[in-house]
Amino acid sequence: MDTTLFIKKKLNVILLVQIYVDDIIFGSTNDILCKEFPQDMQSEFEMSMMGELNFFLGLQIKQTKNGIFVNQSKYCKELIHRFGMENAKHMATPMSTACYLDKDETG
């Protein structure tokens, strides 16, 4: 269990709050809660809103009407640069073509 993840459920509404050191990210199934939460937090704590989440713990986040997309391209580019591999030969990801991957229904 993650002790830095807080979940509030009321009827069909969910508010998720993730805390990491001095960063907080949150989201809700209800737009009103997304507006109220930072106001409630700022009334109790000195904090500032940085806007929509774009980058968190090395992950790049892109939010669109079609969904939320997460990638690590910036991190990968930094690793390639750090190890001087900008001109290295590209290779396909080594993975068996004979195996079948399916959804883990049991989690």
N, C-alpha and C. Protein backbone atom coordinates (compact mmCIF):
# COMPACT_ATOMS: atom_id res chain seq x y z
N MET A 1 0.84 -1.18 0.00
CA MET A 1 0.00 0.00 0.00
C MET A 1 0.88 1.25 0.00
N ASP A 2 0.55 2.21 -0.82
CA ASP A 2 1.31 3.45 -0.93
C ASP A 2 0.79 4.43 0.12
N THR A 3 1.64 4.82 1.07
CA THR A 3 1.19 5.71 2.15
C THR A 3 1.17 7.18 1.71
N THR A 4 1.56 7.46 0.46
CA THR A 4 1.53 8.84 -0.02
C THR A 4 0.41 9.07 -1.03
N LEU A 5 -0.43 8.05 -1.23
CA LEU A 5 -1.58 8.17 -2.12
C LEU A 5 -2.83 8.23 -1.26
N PHE A 6 -3.59 9.31 -1.42
CA PHE A 6 -4.83 9.49 -0.67
C PHE A 6 -6.00 9.43 -1.63
N ILE A 7 -7.03 8.69 -1.24
CA ILE A 7 -8.21 8.51 -2.09
C ILE A 7 -9.44 8.88 -1.28
N LYS A 8 -10.26 9.76 -1.85
CA LYS A 8 -11.52 10.12 -1.23
C LYS A 8 -12.64 9.72 -2.19
N LYS A 9 -13.56 8.90 -1.69
CA LYS A 9 -14.69 8.45 -2.50
C LYS A 9 -15.98 8.90 -1.84
N LYS A 10 -16.86 9.45 -2.64
CA LYS A 10 -18.17 9.83 -2.14
C LYS A 10 -19.16 9.61 -3.28
N LEU A 11 -20.06 8.66 -3.06
CA LEU A 11 -20.98 8.23 -4.11
C LEU A 11 -20.17 7.79 -5.33
N ASN A 12 -20.36 8.41 -6.48
CA ASN A 12 -19.64 8.04 -7.69
C ASN A 12 -18.47 8.96 -7.98
N VAL A 13 -18.06 9.77 -7.02
CA VAL A 13 -16.99 10.75 -7.22
C VAL A 13 -15.73 10.28 -6.51
N ILE A 14 -14.60 10.42 -7.19
CA ILE A 14 -13.31 10.02 -6.62
C ILE A 14 -12.34 11.20 -6.72
N LEU A 15 -11.58 11.44 -5.65
CA LEU A 15 -10.49 12.41 -5.64
C LEU A 15 -9.23 11.64 -5.28
N LEU A 16 -8.21 11.73 -6.13
CA LEU A 16 -6.92 11.08 -5.88
C LEU A 16 -5.87 12.16 -5.63
N VAL A 17 -5.07 11.99 -4.58
CA VAL A 17 -4.01 12.94 -4.25
C VAL A 17 -2.74 12.14 -4.01
N GLN A 18 -1.69 12.44 -4.78
CA GLN A 18 -0.40 11.78 -4.63
C GLN A 18 0.61 12.82 -4.15
N ILE A 19 1.31 12.49 -3.06
CA ILE A 19 2.31 13.40 -2.49
C ILE A 19 3.68 12.76 -2.62
N TYR A 20 4.64 13.55 -3.13
CA TYR A 20 6.03 13.09 -3.21
C TYR A 20 6.91 14.25 -2.78
N VAL A 21 7.55 14.13 -1.64
CA VAL A 21 8.40 15.14 -1.03
C VAL A 21 7.61 16.45 -0.94
N ASP A 22 7.90 17.43 -1.80
CA ASP A 22 7.16 18.70 -1.72
C ASP A 22 6.28 18.92 -2.96
N ASP A 23 5.99 17.85 -3.69
CA ASP A 23 5.09 17.94 -4.84
C ASP A 23 3.79 17.21 -4.56
N ILE A 24 2.71 17.78 -5.03
CA ILE A 24 1.39 17.16 -4.91
C ILE A 24 0.76 17.15 -6.29
N ILE A 25 0.27 15.98 -6.71
CA ILE A 25 -0.55 15.93 -7.92
C ILE A 25 -1.90 15.38 -7.50
N PHE A 26 -2.93 15.85 -8.18
CA PHE A 26 -4.27 15.38 -7.82
C PHE A 26 -5.16 15.39 -9.05
N GLY A 27 -6.21 14.62 -8.95
CA GLY A 27 -7.19 14.56 -10.02
C GLY A 27 -8.49 14.02 -9.47
N SER A 28 -9.55 14.28 -10.18
CA SER A 28 -10.86 13.84 -9.71
C SER A 28 -11.76 13.53 -10.90
N THR A 29 -12.76 12.75 -10.62
CA THR A 29 -13.78 12.48 -11.63
C THR A 29 -14.79 13.61 -11.68
N ASN A 30 -14.60 14.62 -10.83
CA ASN A 30 -15.52 15.75 -10.74
C ASN A 30 -14.73 17.06 -10.86
N ASP A 31 -15.09 17.89 -11.85
CA ASP A 31 -14.37 19.15 -12.09
C ASP A 31 -14.45 20.09 -10.90
N ILE A 32 -15.56 20.09 -10.19
CA ILE A 32 -15.72 20.99 -9.03
C ILE A 32 -14.69 20.64 -7.95
N LEU A 33 -14.49 19.34 -7.71
CA LEU A 33 -13.48 18.93 -6.72
C LEU A 33 -12.08 19.35 -7.14
N CYS A 34 -11.80 19.32 -8.43
CA CYS A 34 -10.48 19.74 -8.93
C CYS A 34 -10.26 21.23 -8.71
N LYS A 35 -11.32 22.00 -8.63
CA LYS A 35 -11.19 23.44 -8.36
C LYS A 35 -11.16 23.71 -6.85
N GLU A 36 -11.94 22.94 -6.08
CA GLU A 36 -12.02 23.15 -4.64
C GLU A 36 -10.77 22.67 -3.90
N PHE A 37 -10.20 21.55 -4.34
CA PHE A 37 -9.07 20.98 -3.61
C PHE A 37 -7.90 21.95 -3.43
N PRO A 38 -7.41 22.59 -4.52
CA PRO A 38 -6.29 23.52 -4.30
C PRO A 38 -6.66 24.72 -3.44
N GLN A 39 -7.90 25.17 -3.51
CA GLN A 39 -8.34 26.28 -2.66
C GLN A 39 -8.31 25.85 -1.19
N ASP A 40 -8.79 24.64 -0.91
CA ASP A 40 -8.77 24.12 0.46
C ASP A 40 -7.34 23.98 0.97
N MET A 41 -6.45 23.47 0.11
CA MET A 41 -5.05 23.28 0.51
C MET A 41 -4.36 24.62 0.75
N GLN A 42 -4.61 25.60 -0.11
CA GLN A 42 -3.98 26.91 0.03
C GLN A 42 -4.50 27.67 1.25
N SER A 43 -5.71 27.33 1.71
CA SER A 43 -6.21 27.99 2.92
C SER A 43 -5.53 27.44 4.17
N GLU A 44 -4.94 26.25 4.08
CA GLU A 44 -4.27 25.62 5.22
C GLU A 44 -2.75 25.69 5.14
N PHE A 45 -2.21 25.66 3.91
CA PHE A 45 -0.76 25.58 3.73
C PHE A 45 -0.29 26.63 2.73
N GLU A 46 0.97 27.03 2.88
CA GLU A 46 1.56 27.96 1.91
C GLU A 46 1.99 27.13 0.71
N MET A 47 1.34 27.34 -0.40
CA MET A 47 1.65 26.57 -1.59
C MET A 47 1.21 27.33 -2.83
N SER A 48 1.76 26.93 -3.96
CA SER A 48 1.38 27.57 -5.22
C SER A 48 0.95 26.51 -6.22
N MET A 49 0.07 26.88 -7.11
CA MET A 49 -0.40 25.98 -8.17
C MET A 49 0.50 26.16 -9.38
N MET A 50 0.98 25.08 -9.91
CA MET A 50 1.86 25.12 -11.07
C MET A 50 1.11 24.87 -12.37
N GLY A 51 -0.16 24.56 -12.30
CA GLY A 51 -0.95 24.32 -13.51
C GLY A 51 -1.06 22.85 -13.83
N GLU A 52 -1.44 22.59 -15.07
CA GLU A 52 -1.64 21.22 -15.53
C GLU A 52 -0.34 20.43 -15.47
N LEU A 53 -0.45 19.17 -15.07
CA LEU A 53 0.71 18.29 -14.93
C LEU A 53 1.32 18.00 -16.30
N ASN A 54 2.62 18.29 -16.45
CA ASN A 54 3.35 18.00 -17.68
C ASN A 54 4.54 17.08 -17.44
N PHE A 55 5.09 17.12 -16.21
CA PHE A 55 6.30 16.38 -15.89
C PHE A 55 6.27 15.99 -14.43
N PHE A 56 6.50 14.70 -14.10
CA PHE A 56 6.48 14.26 -12.71
C PHE A 56 7.37 13.03 -12.55
N LEU A 57 8.36 13.12 -11.67
CA LEU A 57 9.26 12.02 -11.35
C LEU A 57 9.87 11.39 -12.61
N GLY A 58 10.31 12.22 -13.54
CA GLY A 58 10.94 11.73 -14.75
C GLY A 58 9.99 11.30 -15.84
N LEU A 59 8.71 11.38 -15.58
CA LEU A 59 7.71 11.01 -16.58
C LEU A 59 7.16 12.25 -17.25
N GLN A 60 7.03 12.21 -18.57
CA GLN A 60 6.36 13.30 -19.28
C GLN A 60 4.89 12.92 -19.41
N ILE A 61 4.02 13.88 -19.13
CA ILE A 61 2.58 13.65 -19.15
C ILE A 61 1.94 14.56 -20.19
N LYS A 62 1.14 13.99 -21.07
CA LYS A 62 0.41 14.77 -22.05
C LYS A 62 -1.07 14.44 -21.89
N GLN A 63 -1.86 15.47 -21.58
CA GLN A 63 -3.29 15.28 -21.39
C GLN A 63 -4.04 15.85 -22.59
N THR A 64 -4.88 15.01 -23.20
CA THR A 64 -5.69 15.43 -24.34
C THR A 64 -7.12 14.97 -24.11
N LYS A 65 -8.00 15.33 -25.02
CA LYS A 65 -9.39 14.87 -24.90
C LYS A 65 -9.51 13.37 -25.12
N ASN A 66 -8.48 12.77 -25.75
CA ASN A 66 -8.49 11.33 -26.00
C ASN A 66 -7.89 10.50 -24.87
N GLY A 67 -7.32 11.16 -23.88
CA GLY A 67 -6.75 10.43 -22.76
C GLY A 67 -5.48 11.08 -22.23
N ILE A 68 -4.85 10.38 -21.31
CA ILE A 68 -3.60 10.84 -20.69
C ILE A 68 -2.50 9.91 -21.17
N PHE A 69 -1.43 10.51 -21.70
CA PHE A 69 -0.34 9.73 -22.27
C PHE A 69 0.93 10.01 -21.47
N VAL A 70 1.64 8.94 -21.12
CA VAL A 70 2.84 9.03 -20.30
C VAL A 70 4.02 8.44 -21.09
N ASN A 71 5.14 9.14 -21.11
CA ASN A 71 6.32 8.60 -21.77
C ASN A 71 7.58 9.08 -21.07
N GLN A 72 8.71 8.50 -21.45
CA GLN A 72 10.00 8.86 -20.87
C GLN A 72 11.00 9.25 -21.95
N SER A 73 10.54 9.86 -23.03
CA SER A 73 11.45 10.19 -24.13
C SER A 73 12.54 11.17 -23.70
N LYS A 74 12.22 12.14 -22.86
CA LYS A 74 13.22 13.10 -22.40
C LYS A 74 14.31 12.38 -21.60
N TYR A 75 13.90 11.49 -20.72
CA TYR A 75 14.84 10.71 -19.91
C TYR A 75 15.73 9.85 -20.81
N CYS A 76 15.13 9.20 -21.81
CA CYS A 76 15.90 8.35 -22.73
C CYS A 76 16.92 9.17 -23.52
N LYS A 77 16.49 10.34 -23.99
CA LYS A 77 17.42 11.20 -24.74
C LYS A 77 18.58 11.66 -23.86
N GLU A 78 18.30 11.96 -22.59
CA GLU A 78 19.36 12.36 -21.66
C GLU A 78 20.34 11.21 -21.42
N LEU A 79 19.84 9.98 -21.30
CA LEU A 79 20.72 8.82 -21.12
C LEU A 79 21.60 8.61 -22.35
N ILE A 80 21.02 8.71 -23.53
CA ILE A 80 21.78 8.54 -24.77
C ILE A 80 22.88 9.59 -24.85
N HIS A 81 22.56 10.82 -24.50
CA HIS A 81 23.56 11.90 -24.52
C HIS A 81 24.64 11.65 -23.47
N ARG A 82 24.24 11.28 -22.26
CA ARG A 82 25.19 11.07 -21.15
C ARG A 82 26.24 10.02 -21.51
N PHE A 83 25.83 8.98 -22.23
CA PHE A 83 26.75 7.90 -22.57
C PHE A 83 27.32 8.02 -23.98
N GLY A 84 27.11 9.20 -24.61
CA GLY A 84 27.71 9.48 -25.91
C GLY A 84 27.24 8.54 -27.01
N MET A 85 25.97 8.20 -27.00
CA MET A 85 25.46 7.23 -27.97
C MET A 85 24.54 7.87 -29.02
N GLU A 86 24.67 9.18 -29.23
CA GLU A 86 23.81 9.87 -30.19
C GLU A 86 23.95 9.29 -31.60
N ASN A 87 25.14 8.79 -31.96
CA ASN A 87 25.37 8.26 -33.30
C ASN A 87 25.37 6.73 -33.34
N ALA A 88 24.88 6.11 -32.28
CA ALA A 88 24.84 4.64 -32.23
C ALA A 88 23.80 4.11 -33.22
N LYS A 89 24.04 2.88 -33.66
CA LYS A 89 23.13 2.23 -34.61
C LYS A 89 21.82 1.88 -33.90
N HIS A 90 20.70 2.18 -34.53
CA HIS A 90 19.38 1.86 -33.96
C HIS A 90 19.12 0.37 -34.07
N MET A 91 18.47 -0.19 -33.07
CA MET A 91 18.13 -1.62 -33.07
C MET A 91 16.68 -1.77 -32.62
N ALA A 92 16.04 -2.79 -33.14
CA ALA A 92 14.68 -3.11 -32.69
C ALA A 92 14.74 -3.67 -31.28
N THR A 93 13.67 -3.54 -30.54
CA THR A 93 13.61 -4.10 -29.20
C THR A 93 13.62 -5.62 -29.30
N PRO A 94 14.55 -6.29 -28.62
CA PRO A 94 14.60 -7.76 -28.72
C PRO A 94 13.45 -8.39 -27.95
N MET A 95 12.54 -8.98 -28.68
CA MET A 95 11.38 -9.63 -28.05
C MET A 95 10.94 -10.78 -28.94
N SER A 96 10.58 -11.85 -28.32
CA SER A 96 10.13 -13.00 -29.07
C SER A 96 8.86 -12.67 -29.85
N THR A 97 8.81 -13.11 -31.10
CA THR A 97 7.61 -12.89 -31.91
C THR A 97 6.64 -14.06 -31.75
N ALA A 98 7.06 -15.09 -31.01
CA ALA A 98 6.22 -16.27 -30.85
C ALA A 98 5.33 -16.21 -29.61
N CYS A 99 5.59 -15.28 -28.71
CA CYS A 99 4.77 -15.24 -27.49
C CYS A 99 3.57 -14.32 -27.68
N TYR A 100 2.52 -14.59 -26.93
CA TYR A 100 1.29 -13.81 -27.01
C TYR A 100 1.10 -13.09 -25.68
N LEU A 101 0.93 -11.79 -25.74
CA LEU A 101 0.70 -11.00 -24.53
C LEU A 101 -0.78 -10.66 -24.45
N ASP A 102 -1.35 -10.86 -23.28
CA ASP A 102 -2.76 -10.48 -23.09
C ASP A 102 -2.91 -9.76 -21.76
N LYS A 103 -4.07 -9.20 -21.57
CA LYS A 103 -4.37 -8.43 -20.37
C LYS A 103 -4.37 -9.36 -19.14
N ASP A 104 -3.74 -8.89 -18.07
CA ASP A 104 -3.74 -9.64 -16.81
C ASP A 104 -5.06 -9.35 -16.11
N GLU A 105 -6.02 -10.22 -16.24
CA GLU A 105 -7.37 -10.01 -15.69
C GLU A 105 -7.39 -10.03 -14.16
N THR A 106 -6.41 -10.70 -13.55
CA THR A 106 -6.42 -10.81 -12.08
C THR A 106 -5.63 -9.71 -11.41
N GLY A 107 -4.90 -8.91 -12.20
CA GLY A 107 -4.16 -7.79 -11.66
C GLY A 107 -2.94 -8.21 -10.93
